[in-house]
Amino acid sequence: MTDLDIRLAALPDIDAVLRFWREAAEGTSVTDDHDGVAQLILRDPEALILAERDGRITGTVIAGFDGWRCSAYRLAVHPDCRRQGIATALMEAAERRFAALGGRRIDAMVLESNDRAHRTWGAAGYHREDHWRRWIKSL
């Protein structure tokens, strides 16, 4: 896939990323706003990974590492670009990042109702852990 560019997001990308997520990602989060994405990029400039083709975002993944856990969020591919290896390329980039940082296991946040995502993660070698549940509290 030589026409696909994988790169790190920067502050000037924020508005395009937010537009992309509205079109391509499942669900929304309280942090899906300019300030939330800016805070991510400023705190960890290597966490938000973009896939682009001809200067247009075709996919994203957030590869977060807190020094203990590797967490993958917002793996999304534009509907017109699915089944072209973009999610695989993004996760390979995330996994390289995690390995370089000394990560040992990746947790992926996947919506329960997103069957397409379940198949994608399963095909990439990930498995579901049913004995865990996510607990949240908004601040």
Protein backbone atom coordinates (compact mmCIF):
# COMPACT_ATOMS: atom_id res chain seq x y z
CA MET A 1 0.00 0.00 0.00
CA THR A 2 2.59 2.52 -1.15
CA ASP A 3 0.17 5.42 -1.53
CA LEU A 4 -0.74 5.36 2.18
CA ASP A 5 1.13 7.69 4.52
CA ILE A 6 1.21 6.88 8.22
CA ARG A 7 2.18 9.87 10.36
CA LEU A 8 1.71 11.46 13.74
CA ALA A 9 -1.00 14.05 14.20
CA ALA A 10 -0.06 17.62 15.07
CA LEU A 11 -2.06 20.53 16.45
CA PRO A 12 -3.00 21.85 12.98
CA ASP A 13 -4.71 18.47 12.27
CA ILE A 14 -7.25 18.72 15.09
CA ASP A 15 -10.22 20.11 13.15
CA ALA A 16 -9.72 17.60 10.32
CA VAL A 17 -9.47 14.74 12.83
CA LEU A 18 -12.69 15.80 14.54
CA ARG A 19 -14.50 16.01 11.18
CA PHE A 20 -13.11 12.60 10.27
CA TRP A 21 -14.32 11.03 13.51
CA ARG A 22 -17.82 12.42 13.02
CA GLU A 23 -17.92 10.68 9.64
CA ALA A 24 -15.96 7.49 10.27
CA ALA A 25 -15.90 6.61 13.98
CA GLU A 26 -18.57 4.85 16.00
CA GLY A 27 -19.81 6.62 19.09
CA THR A 28 -18.65 9.85 20.65
CA SER A 29 -16.74 10.77 23.76
CA VAL A 30 -16.70 13.72 26.11
CA THR A 31 -13.15 14.36 24.87
CA ASP A 32 -14.13 14.58 21.19
CA ASP A 33 -13.53 18.30 20.99
CA HIS A 34 -10.70 20.64 20.07
CA ASP A 35 -9.43 21.00 23.64
CA GLY A 36 -9.51 17.25 24.29
CA VAL A 37 -7.52 16.37 21.18
CA ALA A 38 -5.11 19.27 21.75
CA GLN A 39 -4.45 18.04 25.28
CA LEU A 40 -3.70 14.55 23.94
CA ILE A 41 -1.26 15.84 21.32
CA LEU A 42 0.48 18.20 23.75
CA ARG A 43 0.83 15.53 26.45
CA ASP A 44 1.88 12.72 24.13
CA PRO A 45 2.79 13.92 20.61
CA GLU A 46 3.22 10.34 19.35
CA ALA A 47 -0.13 8.96 20.51
CA LEU A 48 -2.48 10.03 17.70
CA ILE A 49 -1.51 8.23 14.51
CA LEU A 50 -3.07 9.15 11.17
CA ALA A 51 -3.32 7.31 7.87
CA GLU A 52 -3.56 9.59 4.85
CA ARG A 53 -3.96 9.13 1.15
CA ASP A 54 -3.47 12.12 -1.15
CA GLY A 55 -3.45 14.44 1.88
CA ARG A 56 -6.84 13.21 3.12
CA ILE A 57 -7.27 11.39 6.44
CA THR A 58 -8.36 7.81 5.79
CA GLY A 59 -7.83 6.39 9.27
CA THR A 60 -6.82 7.06 12.86
CA VAL A 61 -5.75 5.27 15.99
CA ILE A 62 -4.79 6.59 19.40
CA ALA A 63 -1.90 4.54 20.79
CA GLY A 64 -1.77 5.65 24.41
CA PHE A 65 0.86 4.47 26.87
CA ASP A 66 0.93 5.52 30.51
CA GLY A 67 4.15 3.72 31.38
CA TRP A 68 2.30 0.61 32.43
CA ARG A 69 -0.51 -0.10 29.97
CA CYS A 70 -0.83 0.18 26.22
CA SER A 71 -4.28 1.34 25.17
CA ALA A 72 -5.71 1.61 21.67
CA TYR A 73 -8.60 3.97 21.06
CA ARG A 74 -10.33 5.52 18.07
CA LEU A 75 -9.27 2.96 15.48
CA ALA A 76 -11.39 4.27 12.63
CA VAL A 77 -11.24 3.99 8.85
CA HIS A 78 -13.27 6.11 6.47
CA PRO A 79 -16.25 4.11 5.12
CA ASP A 80 -15.04 4.59 1.52
CA CYS A 81 -11.60 3.18 2.39
CA ARG A 82 -12.42 0.08 4.42
CA ARG A 83 -11.09 -3.38 3.53
CA GLN A 84 -7.88 -1.85 2.10
CA GLY A 85 -5.46 -2.68 4.95
CA ILE A 86 -5.60 0.76 6.57
CA ALA A 87 -6.63 -0.50 10.01
CA THR A 88 -3.88 -3.10 9.80
CA ALA A 89 -1.28 -0.47 8.90
CA LEU A 90 -2.42 1.76 11.75
CA MET A 91 -2.32 -1.04 14.31
CA GLU A 92 1.10 -2.14 13.10
CA ALA A 93 2.32 1.43 13.71
CA ALA A 94 0.69 1.45 17.15
CA GLU A 95 2.18 -1.94 18.03
CA ARG A 96 5.66 -0.78 16.95
CA ARG A 97 5.26 2.25 19.20
CA PHE A 98 4.16 0.12 22.14
CA ALA A 99 7.01 -2.37 21.66
CA ALA A 100 9.58 0.45 21.50
CA LEU A 101 8.19 1.84 24.76
CA GLY A 102 8.45 -1.56 26.47
CA GLY A 103 4.72 -2.30 26.43
CA ARG A 104 3.65 -5.85 27.12
CA ARG A 105 -0.08 -5.97 26.38
CA ILE A 106 -2.54 -3.82 24.46
CA ASP A 107 -6.04 -3.04 25.64
CA ALA A 108 -8.48 -1.90 22.96
CA MET A 109 -11.64 0.05 23.69
CA VAL A 110 -14.36 -1.32 21.39
CA LEU A 111 -18.05 -0.47 21.55
CA GLU A 112 -20.12 -3.49 22.51
CA SER A 113 -22.54 -2.92 19.62
CA ASN A 114 -19.87 -2.47 16.92
CA ASP A 115 -19.82 -5.92 15.31
CA ARG A 116 -17.65 -4.74 12.41
CA ALA A 117 -14.99 -3.61 14.90
CA HIS A 118 -15.19 -6.94 16.73
CA ARG A 119 -14.35 -8.73 13.49
CA THR A 120 -11.51 -6.29 12.73
CA TRP A 121 -9.90 -6.68 16.14
CA GLY A 122 -10.35 -10.46 16.07
CA ALA A 123 -8.72 -10.71 12.65
CA ALA A 124 -5.76 -8.73 14.03
CA GLY A 125 -5.19 -11.33 16.74
CA TYR A 126 -6.96 -9.62 19.64
CA HIS A 127 -9.46 -11.41 21.84
CA ARG A 128 -12.25 -10.25 24.07
CA GLU A 129 -11.98 -10.43 27.84
CA ASP A 130 -15.51 -10.84 29.11
CA HIS A 131 -14.57 -10.88 32.78
CA TRP A 132 -13.68 -7.15 32.73
CA ARG A 133 -16.04 -4.17 32.53
CA ARG A 134 -15.17 -0.56 32.07
CA TRP A 135 -16.26 1.80 34.86
CA ILE A 136 -16.33 5.51 34.14
CA LYS A 137 -17.08 8.82 35.80
CA SER A 138 -17.11 12.10 33.91
CA LEU A 139 -15.32 15.01 35.54
